[in-house]
Amino acid sequence: MVTTVNLPEGLHERLKQLAEQEHRSMNATIVVAVEEYVSARSHRARVRDLAREVAERDAELLRRLAE
């Protein structure tokens, strides 16, 4: 799938330098960055959901521990 992204000039230059250092194309570098971002956000959301489940399931225990 093709998507056009407009980058500020400074970010474009930093991306270009990073891609060169890592011997990748700018496109491959962007794909890696987006994959890492999406993975991190998904992980955080899952941790939040699990914490909410634990808090709901163990609400009485947590209340007694707080006393």
C-alpha atoms as a PDB file:
ATOM      1  CA  MET A   1       0.000   0.000   0.000  1.00  0.00           C
ATOM      2  CA  VAL A   2       1.308   3.433  -0.851  1.00  0.00           C
ATOM      3  CA  THR A   3       0.963   6.310   1.603  1.00  0.00           C
ATOM      4  CA  THR A   4       2.435   9.761   1.245  1.00  0.00           C
ATOM      5  CA  VAL A   5       3.887  11.356   4.364  1.00  0.00           C
ATOM      6  CA  ASN A   6       4.935  14.996   4.543  1.00  0.00           C
ATOM      7  CA  LEU A   7       7.840  15.427   6.934  1.00  0.00           C
ATOM      8  CA  PRO A   8       9.281  18.661   8.239  1.00  0.00           C
ATOM      9  CA  GLU A   9      12.631  19.367   6.599  1.00  0.00           C
ATOM     10  CA  GLY A  10      14.668  18.764   9.755  1.00  0.00           C
ATOM     11  CA  LEU A  11      13.002  15.435  10.460  1.00  0.00           C
ATOM     12  CA  HIS A  12      13.457  14.379   6.844  1.00  0.00           C
ATOM     13  CA  GLU A  13      17.182  15.066   7.071  1.00  0.00           C
ATOM     14  CA  ARG A  14      17.502  13.164  10.364  1.00  0.00           C
ATOM     15  CA  LEU A  15      15.581  10.240   8.864  1.00  0.00           C
ATOM     16  CA  LYS A  16      17.834  10.243   5.806  1.00  0.00           C
ATOM     17  CA  GLN A  17      20.960  10.190   7.989  1.00  0.00           C
ATOM     18  CA  LEU A  18      19.611   7.401  10.180  1.00  0.00           C
ATOM     19  CA  ALA A  19      18.648   5.312   7.160  1.00  0.00           C
ATOM     20  CA  GLU A  20      22.149   5.731   5.732  1.00  0.00           C
ATOM     21  CA  GLN A  21      23.754   4.753   9.056  1.00  0.00           C
ATOM     22  CA  GLU A  22      21.583   1.632   9.257  1.00  0.00           C
ATOM     23  CA  HIS A  23      22.122   0.765   5.568  1.00  0.00           C
ATOM     24  CA  ARG A  24      18.397   0.895   4.873  1.00  0.00           C
ATOM     25  CA  SER A  25      16.173   2.866   2.615  1.00  0.00           C
ATOM     26  CA  MET A  26      14.227   5.723   4.122  1.00  0.00           C
ATOM     27  CA  ASN A  27      11.057   3.743   3.438  1.00  0.00           C
ATOM     28  CA  ALA A  28      12.355   0.698   5.358  1.00  0.00           C
ATOM     29  CA  THR A  29      13.394   2.957   8.234  1.00  0.00           C
ATOM     30  CA  ILE A  30       9.919   4.506   8.351  1.00  0.00           C
ATOM     31  CA  VAL A  31       8.290   1.049   8.310  1.00  0.00           C
ATOM     32  CA  VAL A  32      10.462  -0.079  11.245  1.00  0.00           C
ATOM     33  CA  ALA A  33       9.635   3.096  13.184  1.00  0.00           C
ATOM     34  CA  VAL A  34       5.896   2.719  12.596  1.00  0.00           C
ATOM     35  CA  GLU A  35       5.993  -0.985  13.522  1.00  0.00           C
ATOM     36  CA  GLU A  36       7.772  -0.146  16.790  1.00  0.00           C
ATOM     37  CA  TYR A  37       5.310   2.657  17.555  1.00  0.00           C
ATOM     38  CA  VAL A  38       2.240   0.509  16.880  1.00  0.00           C
ATOM     39  CA  SER A  39       3.667  -2.396  18.879  1.00  0.00           C
ATOM     40  CA  ALA A  40       4.469  -0.160  21.870  1.00  0.00           C
ATOM     41  CA  ARG A  41       1.008   1.440  21.809  1.00  0.00           C
ATOM     42  CA  SER A  42      -0.669  -1.969  21.565  1.00  0.00           C
ATOM     43  CA  HIS A  43       1.406  -3.257  24.477  1.00  0.00           C
ATOM     44  CA  ARG A  44       0.543  -0.247  26.649  1.00  0.00           C
ATOM     45  CA  ALA A  45      -3.149  -0.655  25.870  1.00  0.00           C
ATOM     46  CA  ARG A  46      -3.017  -4.349  26.795  1.00  0.00           C
ATOM     47  CA  VAL A  47      -1.223  -3.575  30.086  1.00  0.00           C
ATOM     48  CA  ARG A  48      -3.872  -0.929  30.905  1.00  0.00           C
ATOM     49  CA  ASP A  49      -6.660  -3.404  30.142  1.00  0.00           C
ATOM     50  CA  LEU A  50      -5.073  -6.091  32.323  1.00  0.00           C
ATOM     51  CA  ALA A  51      -4.520  -3.640  35.181  1.00  0.00           C
ATOM     52  CA  ARG A  52      -8.172  -2.586  34.957  1.00  0.00           C
ATOM     53  CA  GLU A  53      -9.278  -6.240  35.012  1.00  0.00           C
ATOM     54  CA  VAL A  54      -7.132  -6.964  38.088  1.00  0.00           C
ATOM     55  CA  ALA A  55      -8.375  -3.844  39.863  1.00  0.00           C
ATOM     56  CA  GLU A  56     -11.990  -4.794  39.191  1.00  0.00           C
ATOM     57  CA  ARG A  57     -11.524  -8.449  40.076  1.00  0.00           C
ATOM     58  CA  ASP A  58      -9.575  -7.726  43.264  1.00  0.00           C
ATOM     59  CA  ALA A  59     -11.299  -4.502  44.311  1.00  0.00           C
ATOM     60  CA  GLU A  60     -12.212  -5.808  47.760  1.00  0.00           C
ATOM     61  CA  LEU A  61      -8.686  -7.051  48.427  1.00  0.00           C
ATOM     62  CA  LEU A  62      -7.179  -3.783  47.275  1.00  0.00           C
ATOM     63  CA  ARG A  63      -9.596  -1.850  49.504  1.00  0.00           C
ATOM     64  CA  ARG A  64      -8.608  -3.931  52.549  1.00  0.00           C
ATOM     65  CA  LEU A  65      -4.895  -3.544  51.786  1.00  0.00           C
ATOM     66  CA  ALA A  66      -5.338   0.215  51.613  1.00  0.00           C
ATOM     67  CA  GLU A  67      -6.763   0.330  55.150  1.00  0.00           C
END
